């Protein structure tokens, strides 16, 4: 439990027939490369991310306006087709 699986515990066999089990001696020097995880965010990281929120709102608004213009153009095209059918 809590040990690196590639490095087992150390067993010491004593003259009286007893055995002492202890963790490996290299516990402090063991390192592992962890992927797909990041360090905790610092206060500066949080401040930078928070400062980008207004930009996100501007971009979302811009995208909504573009969608509105595209929808309006489609509507006008359909309205034009509809009015031509009556003439």
Foldseek 3Di string as FASTA:
>chain_A
DPDDPVAAWDWDADPVRDIDTGRDPCVVVDDDDDPPDDDDDDPVNVVVVVVCVVVVVVVVVVVVVVVVVVVVVVVVVVVVVVVVVVD
